[in-house]
């Protein structure tokens, strides 16, 4: 399977001792996709914080943050397509971008709510 199966698989087997192999593979896939989402959510928030100090306009900071998440996700999957042990997937790019977009949106909603606070 993948490098993460050395860590995640034993944990899943401990938590679900009677689960079939197919069920464990399904749970493993869900965990991996959630990790993609969470990783790029963190990238999105960090990009917002960085670009908010550079740009005076919130719109420019939002667009630059989204562009950075899109670029990193695309380049990461493109890079993986050259590795025979990994695969580059457009679905992973979509999950990455959605994770980043959700966190960017939430960041700007919270920033708008706390206008007086420092971003």
PDB file of N, CA and C in Angstrom:
ATOM      1  N   UNK A   1       0.838  -1.173   0.000  1.00  0.00           N
ATOM      2  CA  UNK A   1       0.000   0.000   0.000  1.00  0.00           C
ATOM      3  C   UNK A   1       0.885   1.238   0.000  1.00  0.00           C
ATOM      4  N   UNK A   2       0.998   1.938   1.084  1.00  0.00           N
ATOM      5  CA  UNK A   2       1.766   3.176   1.129  1.00  0.00           C
ATOM      6  C   UNK A   2       2.605   3.221   2.385  1.00  0.00           C
ATOM      7  N   UNK A   3       3.396   4.264   2.482  1.00  0.00           N
ATOM      8  CA  UNK A   3       4.252   4.430   3.656  1.00  0.00           C
ATOM      9  C   UNK A   3       3.438   4.622   4.929  1.00  0.00           C
ATOM     10  N   UNK A   4       2.287   5.240   4.816  1.00  0.00           N
ATOM     11  CA  UNK A   4       1.469   5.487   6.011  1.00  0.00           C
ATOM     12  C   UNK A   4       0.839   4.218   6.556  1.00  0.00           C
ATOM     13  N   UNK A   5       0.791   3.172   5.746  1.00  0.00           N
ATOM     14  CA  UNK A   5       0.162   1.943   6.221  1.00  0.00           C
ATOM     15  C   UNK A   5       0.953   1.290   7.343  1.00  0.00           C
ATOM     16  N   UNK A   6       2.247   1.585   7.439  1.00  0.00           N
ATOM     17  CA  UNK A   6       3.056   1.035   8.534  1.00  0.00           C
ATOM     18  C   UNK A   6       2.633   1.595   9.882  1.00  0.00           C
ATOM     19  N   UNK A   7       2.059   2.791   9.873  1.00  0.00           N
ATOM     20  CA  UNK A   7       1.634   3.433  11.116  1.00  0.00           C
ATOM     21  C   UNK A   7       0.126   3.287  11.315  1.00  0.00           C
ATOM     22  N   UNK A   8      -0.627   3.615  10.296  1.00  0.00           N
ATOM     23  CA  UNK A   8      -2.081   3.655  10.423  1.00  0.00           C
ATOM     24  C   UNK A   8      -2.689   2.257  10.518  1.00  0.00           C
ATOM     25  N   UNK A   9      -2.189   1.324   9.743  1.00  0.00           N
ATOM     26  CA  UNK A   9      -2.775  -0.020   9.712  1.00  0.00           C
ATOM     27  C   UNK A   9      -2.780  -0.699  11.091  1.00  0.00           C
ATOM     28  N   UNK A  10      -1.650  -0.705  11.829  1.00  0.00           N
ATOM     29  CA  UNK A  10      -1.698  -1.324  13.160  1.00  0.00           C
ATOM     30  C   UNK A  10      -2.671  -0.636  14.118  1.00  0.00           C
ATOM     31  N   UNK A  11      -2.786   0.677  14.011  1.00  0.00           N
ATOM     32  CA  UNK A  11      -3.725   1.404  14.864  1.00  0.00           C
ATOM     33  C   UNK A  11      -5.155   0.997  14.522  1.00  0.00           C
ATOM     34  N   UNK A  12      -5.457   0.923  13.232  1.00  0.00           N
ATOM     35  CA  UNK A  12      -6.795   0.507  12.805  1.00  0.00           C
ATOM     36  C   UNK A  12      -7.094  -0.932  13.225  1.00  0.00           C
ATOM     37  N   UNK A  13      -6.107  -1.807  13.111  1.00  0.00           N
ATOM     38  CA  UNK A  13      -6.310  -3.195  13.532  1.00  0.00           C
ATOM     39  C   UNK A  13      -6.557  -3.294  15.031  1.00  0.00           C
ATOM     40  N   UNK A  14      -5.901  -2.416  15.801  1.00  0.00           N
ATOM     41  CA  UNK A  14      -6.125  -2.391  17.249  1.00  0.00           C
ATOM     42  C   UNK A  14      -7.530  -1.876  17.575  1.00  0.00           C
ATOM     43  N   UNK A  15      -7.930  -0.798  16.881  1.00  0.00           N
ATOM     44  CA  UNK A  15      -9.231  -0.191  17.161  1.00  0.00           C
ATOM     45  C   UNK A  15     -10.397  -1.035  16.648  1.00  0.00           C
ATOM     46  N   UNK A  16     -10.184  -1.721  15.535  1.00  0.00           N
ATOM     47  CA  UNK A  16     -11.244  -2.510  14.903  1.00  0.00           C
ATOM     48  C   UNK A  16     -10.745  -3.936  14.647  1.00  0.00           C
ATOM     49  N   UNK A  17     -10.609  -4.736  15.686  1.00  0.00           N
ATOM     50  CA  UNK A  17     -10.009  -6.070  15.516  1.00  0.00           C
ATOM     51  C   UNK A  17     -10.828  -7.025  14.646  1.00  0.00           C
ATOM     52  N   UNK A  18     -12.117  -6.830  14.535  1.00  0.00           N
ATOM     53  CA  UNK A  18     -12.941  -7.739  13.743  1.00  0.00           C
ATOM     54  C   UNK A  18     -13.233  -7.217  12.337  1.00  0.00           C
ATOM     55  N   UNK A  19     -12.684  -6.068  11.991  1.00  0.00           N
ATOM     56  CA  UNK A  19     -12.952  -5.473  10.677  1.00  0.00           C
ATOM     57  C   UNK A  19     -12.256  -6.268   9.575  1.00  0.00           C
ATOM     58  N   UNK A  20     -12.903  -6.335   8.431  1.00  0.00           N
ATOM     59  CA  UNK A  20     -12.320  -7.030   7.282  1.00  0.00           C
ATOM     60  C   UNK A  20     -11.202  -6.181   6.684  1.00  0.00           C
ATOM     61  N   UNK A  21     -10.411  -6.811   5.831  1.00  0.00           N
ATOM     62  CA  UNK A  21      -9.319  -6.110   5.163  1.00  0.00           C
ATOM     63  C   UNK A  21      -9.855  -4.953   4.314  1.00  0.00           C
ATOM     64  N   UNK A  22     -10.977  -5.164   3.645  1.00  0.00           N
ATOM     65  CA  UNK A  22     -11.560  -4.109   2.816  1.00  0.00           C
ATOM     66  C   UNK A  22     -11.992  -2.916   3.666  1.00  0.00           C
ATOM     67  N   UNK A  23     -12.550  -3.202   4.829  1.00  0.00           N
ATOM     68  CA  UNK A  23     -12.980  -2.126   5.730  1.00  0.00           C
ATOM     69  C   UNK A  23     -11.774  -1.335   6.219  1.00  0.00           C
ATOM     70  N   UNK A  24     -10.708  -2.037   6.576  1.00  0.00           N
ATOM     71  CA  UNK A  24      -9.495  -1.355   7.036  1.00  0.00           C
ATOM     72  C   UNK A  24      -8.894  -0.508   5.920  1.00  0.00           C
ATOM     73  N   UNK A  25      -8.915  -1.015   4.697  1.00  0.00           N
ATOM     74  CA  UNK A  25      -8.419  -0.225   3.564  1.00  0.00           C
ATOM     75  C   UNK A  25      -9.279   1.015   3.342  1.00  0.00           C
ATOM     76  N   UNK A  26     -10.580   0.867   3.505  1.00  0.00           N
ATOM     77  CA  UNK A  26     -11.482   2.010   3.361  1.00  0.00           C
ATOM     78  C   UNK A  26     -11.185   3.066   4.426  1.00  0.00           C
ATOM     79  N   UNK A  27     -11.054   2.645   5.690  1.00  0.00           N
ATOM     80  CA  UNK A  27     -10.745   3.578   6.776  1.00  0.00           C
ATOM     81  C   UNK A  27      -9.392   4.252   6.548  1.00  0.00           C
ATOM     82  N   UNK A  28      -8.440   3.474   6.070  1.00  0.00           N
ATOM     83  CA  UNK A  28      -7.114   4.029   5.798  1.00  0.00           C
ATOM     84  C   UNK A  28      -7.199   5.114   4.726  1.00  0.00           C
ATOM     85  N   UNK A  29      -7.975   4.848   3.683  1.00  0.00           N
ATOM     86  CA  UNK A  29      -8.157   5.847   2.627  1.00  0.00           C
ATOM     87  C   UNK A  29      -8.823   7.112   3.137  1.00  0.00           C
ATOM     88  N   UNK A  30      -9.827   6.955   3.994  1.00  0.00           N
ATOM     89  CA  UNK A  30     -10.513   8.123   4.562  1.00  0.00           C
ATOM     90  C   UNK A  30      -9.537   8.948   5.409  1.00  0.00           C
ATOM     91  N   UNK A  31      -8.740   8.274   6.204  1.00  0.00           N
ATOM     92  CA  UNK A  31      -7.760   8.979   7.049  1.00  0.00           C
ATOM     93  C   UNK A  31      -6.773   9.744   6.181  1.00  0.00           C
ATOM     94  N   UNK A  32      -6.303   9.125   5.107  1.00  0.00           N
ATOM     95  CA  UNK A  32      -5.350   9.798   4.217  1.00  0.00           C
ATOM     96  C   UNK A  32      -5.975  11.033   3.561  1.00  0.00           C
ATOM     97  N   UNK A  33      -7.225  10.926   3.129  1.00  0.00           N
ATOM     98  CA  UNK A  33      -7.883  12.071   2.485  1.00  0.00           C
ATOM     99  C   UNK A  33      -8.141  13.190   3.495  1.00  0.00           C
ATOM    100  N   UNK A  34      -8.499  12.825   4.715  1.00  0.00           N
ATOM    101  CA  UNK A  34      -8.678  13.837   5.764  1.00  0.00           C
ATOM    102  C   UNK A  34      -7.354  14.534   6.075  1.00  0.00           C
ATOM    103  N   UNK A  35      -6.265  13.782   6.009  1.00  0.00           N
ATOM    104  CA  UNK A  35      -4.949  14.380   6.237  1.00  0.00           C
ATOM    105  C   UNK A  35      -4.616  15.380   5.134  1.00  0.00           C
ATOM    106  N   UNK A  36      -4.940  15.040   3.883  1.00  0.00           N
ATOM    107  CA  UNK A  36      -4.746  15.990   2.777  1.00  0.00           C
ATOM    108  C   UNK A  36      -5.514  17.278   3.071  1.00  0.00           C
ATOM    109  N   UNK A  37      -6.767  17.138   3.428  1.00  0.00           N
ATOM    110  CA  UNK A  37      -7.615  18.291   3.716  1.00  0.00           C
ATOM    111  C   UNK A  37      -7.003  19.141   4.833  1.00  0.00           C
ATOM    112  N   UNK A  38      -6.604  18.495   5.923  1.00  0.00           N
ATOM    113  CA  UNK A  38      -6.081  19.209   7.092  1.00  0.00           C
ATOM    114  C   UNK A  38      -4.746  19.889   6.791  1.00  0.00           C
ATOM    115  N   UNK A  39      -3.871  19.211   6.066  1.00  0.00           N
ATOM    116  CA  UNK A  39      -2.573  19.806   5.731  1.00  0.00           C
ATOM    117  C   UNK A  39      -2.734  21.102   4.959  1.00  0.00           C
ATOM    118  N   UNK A  40      -3.598  21.076   3.978  1.00  0.00           N
ATOM    119  CA  UNK A  40      -3.769  22.270   3.156  1.00  0.00           C
ATOM    120  C   UNK A  40      -4.634  23.323   3.845  1.00  0.00           C
ATOM    121  N   UNK A  41      -5.419  22.916   4.818  1.00  0.00           N
ATOM    122  CA  UNK A  41      -6.120  23.896   5.643  1.00  0.00           C
ATOM    123  C   UNK A  41      -5.102  24.706   6.433  1.00  0.00           C
ATOM    124  N   UNK A  42      -4.093  24.038   6.951  1.00  0.00           N
ATOM    125  CA  UNK A  42      -3.022  24.736   7.674  1.00  0.00           C
ATOM    126  C   UNK A  42      -2.253  25.651   6.727  1.00  0.00           C
ATOM    127  N   UNK A  43      -1.944  25.158   5.536  1.00  0.00           N
ATOM    128  CA  UNK A  43      -1.256  25.992   4.534  1.00  0.00           C
ATOM    129  C   UNK A  43      -2.088  27.235   4.227  1.00  0.00           C
ATOM    130  N   UNK A  44      -3.393  27.064   4.089  1.00  0.00           N
ATOM    131  CA  UNK A  44      -4.272  28.196   3.795  1.00  0.00           C
ATOM    132  C   UNK A  44      -4.250  29.255   4.881  1.00  0.00           C
ATOM    133  N   UNK A  45      -4.330  28.829   6.128  1.00  0.00           N
ATOM    134  CA  UNK A  45      -4.312  29.792   7.242  1.00  0.00           C
ATOM    135  C   UNK A  45      -2.965  30.504   7.322  1.00  0.00           C
ATOM    136  N   UNK A  46      -1.886  29.747   7.184  1.00  0.00           N
ATOM    137  CA  UNK A  46      -0.562  30.375   7.228  1.00  0.00           C
ATOM    138  C   UNK A  46      -0.365  31.349   6.078  1.00  0.00           C
ATOM    139  N   UNK A  47      -0.885  31.003   4.899  1.00  0.00           N
ATOM    140  CA  UNK A  47      -0.802  31.914   3.758  1.00  0.00           C
ATOM    141  C   UNK A  47      -1.609  33.185   4.023  1.00  0.00           C
ATOM    142  N   UNK A  48      -2.784  33.041   4.618  1.00  0.00           N
ATOM    143  CA  UNK A  48      -3.596  34.215   4.962  1.00  0.00           C
ATOM    144  C   UNK A  48      -2.849  35.136   5.907  1.00  0.00           C
ATOM    145  N   UNK A  49      -2.277  34.564   6.933  1.00  0.00           N
ATOM    146  CA  UNK A  49      -1.540  35.386   7.903  1.00  0.00           C
ATOM    147  C   UNK A  49      -0.360  36.091   7.250  1.00  0.00           C
ATOM    148  N   UNK A  50       0.321  35.390   6.351  1.00  0.00           N
ATOM    149  CA  UNK A  50       1.477  35.990   5.682  1.00  0.00           C
ATOM    150  C   UNK A  50       1.049  37.096   4.713  1.00  0.00           C
ATOM    151  N   UNK A  51       0.072  36.806   3.880  1.00  0.00           N
ATOM    152  CA  UNK A  51      -0.343  37.783   2.872  1.00  0.00           C
ATOM    153  C   UNK A  51      -1.113  38.947   3.479  1.00  0.00           C
ATOM    154  N   UNK A  52      -1.708  38.744   4.624  1.00  0.00           N
ATOM    155  CA  UNK A  52      -2.423  39.838   5.290  1.00  0.00           C
ATOM    156  C   UNK A  52      -1.444  40.927   5.738  1.00  0.00           C
ATOM    157  N   UNK A  53      -0.209  40.549   6.032  1.00  0.00           N
ATOM    158  CA  UNK A  53       0.794  41.542   6.421  1.00  0.00           C
ATOM    159  C   UNK A  53       1.403  42.234   5.205  1.00  0.00           C
ATOM    160  N   UNK A  54       1.285  41.609   4.038  1.00  0.00           N
ATOM    161  CA  UNK A  54       1.873  42.172   2.821  1.00  0.00           C
ATOM    162  C   UNK A  54       0.896  43.103   2.112  1.00  0.00           C
ATOM    163  N   UNK A  55      -0.357  42.653   1.978  1.00  0.00           N
ATOM    164  CA  UNK A  55      -1.353  43.411   1.228  1.00  0.00           C
ATOM    165  C   UNK A  55      -2.263  44.193   2.170  1.00  0.00           C
ATOM    166  N   UNK A  56      -2.598  45.409   1.770  1.00  0.00           N
ATOM    167  CA  UNK A  56      -3.555  46.198   2.535  1.00  0.00           C
ATOM    168  C   UNK A  56      -4.987  45.739   2.261  1.00  0.00           C
ATOM    169  N   UNK A  57      -5.211  45.219   1.087  1.00  0.00           N
ATOM    170  CA  UNK A  57      -6.543  44.777   0.696  1.00  0.00           C
ATOM    171  C   UNK A  57      -6.781  43.330   1.136  1.00  0.00           C
ATOM    172  N   UNK A  58      -7.917  43.096   1.778  1.00  0.00           N
ATOM    173  CA  UNK A  58      -8.269  41.725   2.174  1.00  0.00           C
ATOM    174  C   UNK A  58      -8.506  40.849   0.952  1.00  0.00           C
ATOM    175  N   UNK A  59      -9.067  41.443  -0.099  1.00  0.00           N
ATOM    176  CA  UNK A  59      -9.336  40.681  -1.311  1.00  0.00           C
ATOM    177  C   UNK A  59      -8.034  40.174  -1.926  1.00  0.00           C
ATOM    178  N   UNK A  60      -7.013  41.015  -2.001  1.00  0.00           N
ATOM    179  CA  UNK A  60      -5.727  40.584  -2.545  1.00  0.00           C
ATOM    180  C   UNK A  60      -5.102  39.494  -1.680  1.00  0.00           C
ATOM    181  N   UNK A  61      -5.206  39.638  -0.379  1.00  0.00           N
ATOM    182  CA  UNK A  61      -4.673  38.617   0.522  1.00  0.00           C
ATOM    183  C   UNK A  61      -5.410  37.297   0.323  1.00  0.00           C
ATOM    184  N   UNK A  62      -6.725  37.356   0.170  1.00  0.00           N
ATOM    185  CA  UNK A  62      -7.526  36.153  -0.053  1.00  0.00           C
ATOM    186  C   UNK A  62      -7.143  35.484  -1.370  1.00  0.00           C
ATOM    187  N   UNK A  63      -7.051  36.267  -2.429  1.00  0.00           N
ATOM    188  CA  UNK A  63      -6.709  35.712  -3.735  1.00  0.00           C
ATOM    189  C   UNK A  63      -5.292  35.158  -3.764  1.00  0.00           C
ATOM    190  N   UNK A  64      -4.358  35.862  -3.150  1.00  0.00           N
ATOM    191  CA  UNK A  64      -2.974  35.375  -3.108  1.00  0.00           C
ATOM    192  C   UNK A  64      -2.880  34.090  -2.293  1.00  0.00           C
ATOM    193  N   UNK A  65      -3.617  34.001  -1.203  1.00  0.00           N
ATOM    194  CA  UNK A  65      -3.619  32.789  -0.379  1.00  0.00           C
ATOM    195  C   UNK A  65      -4.174  31.615  -1.157  1.00  0.00           C
ATOM    196  N   UNK A  66      -5.287  31.831  -1.831  1.00  0.00           N
ATOM    197  CA  UNK A  66      -5.889  30.764  -2.623  1.00  0.00           C
ATOM    198  C   UNK A  66      -4.957  30.344  -3.761  1.00  0.00           C
ATOM    199  N   UNK A  67      -4.328  31.309  -4.417  1.00  0.00           N
ATOM    200  CA  UNK A  67      -3.406  30.992  -5.515  1.00  0.00           C
ATOM    201  C   UNK A  67      -2.218  30.171  -5.008  1.00  0.00           C
ATOM    202  N   UNK A  68      -1.711  30.507  -3.834  1.00  0.00           N
ATOM    203  CA  UNK A  68      -0.594  29.759  -3.271  1.00  0.00           C
ATOM    204  C   UNK A  68      -1.003  28.320  -2.950  1.00  0.00           C
ATOM    205  N   UNK A  69      -2.161  28.139  -2.346  1.00  0.00           N
ATOM    206  CA  UNK A  69      -2.654  26.783  -2.049  1.00  0.00           C
ATOM    207  C   UNK A  69      -2.820  26.000  -3.344  1.00  0.00           C
ATOM    208  N   UNK A  70      -3.405  26.611  -4.349  1.00  0.00           N
ATOM    209  CA  UNK A  70      -3.594  25.947  -5.643  1.00  0.00           C
ATOM    210  C   UNK A  70      -2.259  25.547  -6.252  1.00  0.00           C
ATOM    211  N   UNK A  71      -1.301  26.455  -6.215  1.00  0.00           N
ATOM    212  CA  UNK A  71       0.011  26.198  -6.798  1.00  0.00           C
ATOM    213  C   UNK A  71       0.733  25.063  -6.073  1.00  0.00           C
ATOM    214  N   UNK A  72       0.751  25.114  -4.757  1.00  0.00           N
ATOM    215  CA  UNK A  72       1.441  24.078  -3.988  1.00  0.00           C
ATOM    216  C   UNK A  72       0.782  22.720  -4.201  1.00  0.00           C
ATOM    217  N   UNK A  73      -0.539  22.660  -4.150  1.00  0.00           N
ATOM    218  CA  UNK A  73      -1.243  21.390  -4.342  1.00  0.00           C
ATOM    219  C   UNK A  73      -0.977  20.821  -5.734  1.00  0.00           C
ATOM    220  N   UNK A  74      -1.021  21.654  -6.743  1.00  0.00           N
ATOM    221  CA  UNK A  74      -0.791  21.195  -8.111  1.00  0.00           C
ATOM    222  C   UNK A  74       0.637  20.716  -8.316  1.00  0.00           C
ATOM    223  N   UNK A  75       1.593  21.490  -7.822  1.00  0.00           N
ATOM    224  CA  UNK A  75       2.991  21.097  -7.969  1.00  0.00           C
ATOM    225  C   UNK A  75       3.312  19.830  -7.191  1.00  0.00           C
ATOM    226  N   UNK A  76       2.719  19.661  -6.026  1.00  0.00           N
ATOM    227  CA  UNK A  76       2.950  18.464  -5.228  1.00  0.00           C
ATOM    228  C   UNK A  76       2.471  17.218  -5.967  1.00  0.00           C
ATOM    229  N   UNK A  77       1.276  17.263  -6.507  1.00  0.00           N
ATOM    230  CA  UNK A  77       0.748  16.106  -7.225  1.00  0.00           C
ATOM    231  C   UNK A  77       1.496  15.886  -8.543  1.00  0.00           C
ATOM    232  N   UNK A  78       1.904  16.956  -9.192  1.00  0.00           N
ATOM    233  CA  UNK A  78       2.692  16.821 -10.418  1.00  0.00           C
ATOM    234  C   UNK A  78       4.017  16.145 -10.099  1.00  0.00           C
ATOM    235  N   UNK A  79       4.657  16.554  -9.021  1.00  0.00           N
ATOM    236  CA  UNK A  79       5.912  15.955  -8.594  1.00  0.00           C
ATOM    237  C   UNK A  79       5.735  14.468  -8.275  1.00  0.00           C
ATOM    238  N   UNK A  80       4.634  14.121  -7.636  1.00  0.00           N
ATOM    239  CA  UNK A  80       4.372  12.725  -7.294  1.00  0.00           C
ATOM    240  C   UNK A  80       4.187  11.853  -8.530  1.00  0.00           C
ATOM    241  N   UNK A  81       3.744  12.430  -9.621  1.00  0.00           N
ATOM    242  CA  UNK A  81       3.514  11.639 -10.830  1.00  0.00           C
ATOM    243  C   UNK A  81       4.819  11.109 -11.420  1.00  0.00           C
ATOM    244  N   UNK A  82       5.952  11.665 -11.025  1.00  0.00           N
ATOM    245  CA  UNK A  82       7.246  11.193 -11.513  1.00  0.00           C
ATOM    246  C   UNK A  82       7.840  10.104 -10.628  1.00  0.00           C
ATOM    247  N   UNK A  83       7.242   9.846  -9.489  1.00  0.00           N
ATOM    248  CA  UNK A  83       7.733   8.837  -8.559  1.00  0.00           C
ATOM    249  C   UNK A  83       6.960   7.538  -8.783  1.00  0.00           C
ATOM    250  N   UNK A  84       7.679   6.457  -9.041  1.00  0.00           N
ATOM    251  CA  UNK A  84       7.005   5.188  -9.344  1.00  0.00           C
ATOM    252  C   UNK A  84       6.279   4.610  -8.130  1.00  0.00           C
ATOM    253  N   UNK A  85       6.653   5.019  -6.928  1.00  0.00           N
ATOM    254  CA  UNK A  85       5.998   4.511  -5.718  1.00  0.00           C
ATOM    255  C   UNK A  85       4.761   5.319  -5.336  1.00  0.00           C
ATOM    256  N   UNK A  86       4.539   6.433  -6.005  1.00  0.00           N
ATOM    257  CA  UNK A  86       3.402   7.295  -5.672  1.00  0.00           C
ATOM    258  C   UNK A  86       2.628   7.608  -6.936  1.00  0.00           C
ATOM    259  N   UNK A  87       1.453   8.154  -6.756  1.00  0.00           N
ATOM    260  CA  UNK A  87       0.640   8.549  -7.901  1.00  0.00           C
ATOM    261  C   UNK A  87       0.163   9.985  -7.710  1.00  0.00           C
ATOM    262  N   UNK A  88       0.129  10.724  -8.777  1.00  0.00           N
ATOM    263  CA  UNK A  88      -0.433  12.061  -8.757  1.00  0.00           C
ATOM    264  C   UNK A  88      -1.905  11.972  -9.128  1.00  0.00           C
ATOM    265  N   UNK A  89      -2.755  12.485  -8.286  1.00  0.00           N
ATOM    266  CA  UNK A  89      -4.192  12.354  -8.512  1.00  0.00           C
ATOM    267  C   UNK A  89      -4.869  13.720  -8.542  1.00  0.00           C
ATOM    268  N   UNK A  90      -5.693  13.960  -9.561  1.00  0.00           N
ATOM    269  CA  UNK A  90      -6.456  15.211  -9.580  1.00  0.00           C
ATOM    270  C   UNK A  90      -7.434  15.294  -8.406  1.00  0.00           C
ATOM    271  N   UNK A  91      -7.889  14.139  -7.912  1.00  0.00           N
ATOM    272  CA  UNK A  91      -8.786  14.141  -6.748  1.00  0.00           C
ATOM    273  C   UNK A  91      -8.054  14.656  -5.515  1.00  0.00           C
ATOM    274  N   UNK A  92      -6.795  14.299  -5.362  1.00  0.00           N
ATOM    275  CA  UNK A  92      -6.019  14.813  -4.234  1.00  0.00           C
ATOM    276  C   UNK A  92      -5.823  16.321  -4.349  1.00  0.00           C
ATOM    277  N   UNK A  93      -5.610  16.799  -5.566  1.00  0.00           N
ATOM    278  CA  UNK A  93      -5.494  18.253  -5.771  1.00  0.00           C
ATOM    279  C   UNK A  93      -6.795  18.926  -5.353  1.00  0.00           C
ATOM    280  N   UNK A  94      -7.918  18.334  -5.751  1.00  0.00           N
ATOM    281  CA  UNK A  94      -9.221  18.920  -5.397  1.00  0.00           C
ATOM    282  C   UNK A  94      -9.420  18.934  -3.882  1.00  0.00           C
ATOM    283  N   UNK A  95      -9.086  17.837  -3.214  1.00  0.00           N
ATOM    284  CA  UNK A  95      -9.224  17.793  -1.752  1.00  0.00           C
ATOM    285  C   UNK A  95      -8.312  18.822  -1.103  1.00  0.00           C
ATOM    286  N   UNK A  96      -7.085  18.936  -1.603  1.00  0.00           N
ATOM    287  CA  UNK A  96      -6.134  19.920  -1.069  1.00  0.00           C
ATOM    288  C   UNK A  96      -6.674  21.342  -1.223  1.00  0.00           C
ATOM    289  N   UNK A  97      -7.174  21.645  -2.399  1.00  0.00           N
ATOM    290  CA  UNK A  97      -7.682  22.997  -2.667  1.00  0.00           C
ATOM    291  C   UNK A  97      -8.913  23.293  -1.815  1.00  0.00           C
ATOM    292  N   UNK A  98      -9.785  22.314  -1.667  1.00  0.00           N
ATOM    293  CA  UNK A  98     -10.970  22.514  -0.832  1.00  0.00           C
ATOM    294  C   UNK A  98     -10.559  22.755   0.617  1.00  0.00           C
ATOM    295  N   UNK A  99      -9.590  21.981   1.118  1.00  0.00           N
ATOM    296  CA  UNK A  99      -9.101  22.195   2.476  1.00  0.00           C
ATOM    297  C   UNK A  99      -8.541  23.588   2.669  1.00  0.00           C
ATOM    298  N   UNK A 100      -7.737  24.037   1.706  1.00  0.00           N
ATOM    299  CA  UNK A 100      -7.184  25.387   1.786  1.00  0.00           C
ATOM    300  C   UNK A 100      -8.258  26.453   1.671  1.00  0.00           C
ATOM    301  N   UNK A 101      -9.198  26.254   0.744  1.00  0.00           N
ATOM    302  CA  UNK A 101     -10.257  27.245   0.539  1.00  0.00           C
ATOM    303  C   UNK A 101     -11.158  27.373   1.763  1.00  0.00           C
ATOM    304  N   UNK A 102     -11.486  26.251   2.385  1.00  0.00           N
ATOM    305  CA  UNK A 102     -12.332  26.291   3.584  1.00  0.00           C
ATOM    306  C   UNK A 102     -11.627  27.070   4.700  1.00  0.00           C
ATOM    307  N   UNK A 103     -10.352  26.806   4.909  1.00  0.00           N
ATOM    308  CA  UNK A 103      -9.645  27.507   5.989  1.00  0.00           C
ATOM    309  C   UNK A 103      -9.451  28.988   5.667  1.00  0.00           C
ATOM    310  N   UNK A 104      -9.217  29.308   4.401  1.00  0.00           N
ATOM    311  CA  UNK A 104      -9.081  30.718   4.012  1.00  0.00           C
ATOM    312  C   UNK A 104     -10.407  31.440   4.236  1.00  0.00           C
ATOM    313  N   UNK A 105     -11.491  30.823   3.831  1.00  0.00           N
ATOM    314  CA  UNK A 105     -12.812  31.408   4.019  1.00  0.00           C
ATOM    315  C   UNK A 105     -13.105  31.618   5.508  1.00  0.00           C
ATOM    316  N   UNK A 106     -12.819  30.603   6.313  1.00  0.00           N
ATOM    317  CA  UNK A 106     -13.052  30.720   7.756  1.00  0.00           C
ATOM    318  C   UNK A 106     -12.167  31.798   8.374  1.00  0.00           C
ATOM    319  N   UNK A 107     -10.922  31.881   7.925  1.00  0.00           N
ATOM    320  CA  UNK A 107     -10.012  32.900   8.435  1.00  0.00           C
ATOM    321  C   UNK A 107     -10.572  34.295   8.167  1.00  0.00           C
ATOM    322  N   UNK A 108     -11.024  34.528   6.957  1.00  0.00           N
ATOM    323  CA  UNK A 108     -11.534  35.853   6.626  1.00  0.00           C
ATOM    324  C   UNK A 108     -12.881  36.139   7.273  1.00  0.00           C
ATOM    325  N   UNK A 109     -13.693  35.110   7.515  1.00  0.00           N
ATOM    326  CA  UNK A 109     -14.932  35.329   8.268  1.00  0.00           C
ATOM    327  C   UNK A 109     -14.624  35.739   9.709  1.00  0.00           C
ATOM    328  N   UNK A 110     -13.682  35.044  10.317  1.00  0.00           N
ATOM    329  CA  UNK A 110     -13.302  35.390  11.690  1.00  0.00           C
ATOM    330  C   UNK A 110     -12.632  36.750  11.751  1.00  0.00           C
ATOM    331  N   UNK A 111     -11.805  37.047  10.763  1.00  0.00           N
ATOM    332  CA  UNK A 111     -11.136  38.348  10.729  1.00  0.00           C
ATOM    333  C   UNK A 111     -12.157  39.470  10.547  1.00  0.00           C
ATOM    334  N   UNK A 112     -13.181  39.218   9.756  1.00  0.00           N
ATOM    335  CA  UNK A 112     -14.224  40.223   9.542  1.00  0.00           C
ATOM    336  C   UNK A 112     -15.028  40.446  10.817  1.00  0.00           C
ATOM    337  N   UNK A 113     -15.285  39.341  11.534  1.00  0.00           N
ATOM    338  CA  UNK A 113     -16.029  39.432  12.782  1.00  0.00           C
ATOM    339  C   UNK A 113     -15.239  40.193  13.853  1.00  0.00           C
ATOM    340  N   UNK A 114     -13.942  40.017  13.845  1.00  0.00           N
ATOM    341  CA  UNK A 114     -13.070  40.668  14.826  1.00  0.00           C
ATOM    342  C   UNK A 114     -12.279  41.783  14.162  1.00  0.00           C
ATOM    343  N   UNK A 115     -12.957  42.678  13.499  1.00  0.00           N
ATOM    344  CA  UNK A 115     -12.280  43.735  12.746  1.00  0.00           C
ATOM    345  C   UNK A 115     -11.257  44.516  13.549  1.00  0.00           C
ATOM    346  N   UNK A 116     -11.553  44.764  14.799  1.00  0.00           N
ATOM    347  CA  UNK A 116     -10.635  45.539  15.608  1.00  0.00           C
ATOM    348  C   UNK A 116      -9.389  44.773  16.005  1.00  0.00           C
ATOM    349  N   UNK A 117      -9.445  43.454  15.933  1.00  0.00           N
ATOM    350  CA  UNK A 117      -8.314  42.644  16.366  1.00  0.00           C
ATOM    351  C   UNK A 117      -7.224  42.621  15.310  1.00  0.00           C
ATOM    352  N   UNK A 118      -6.008  42.392  15.753  1.00  0.00           N
ATOM    353  CA  UNK A 118      -4.876  42.249  14.835  1.00  0.00           C
ATOM    354  C   UNK A 118      -4.976  40.874  14.183  1.00  0.00           C
ATOM    355  N   UNK A 119      -4.739  40.801  12.862  1.00  0.00           N
ATOM    356  CA  UNK A 119      -4.850  39.539  12.140  1.00  0.00           C
ATOM    357  C   UNK A 119      -3.591  38.744  12.316  1.00  0.00           C
TER     358      UNK A 119
END
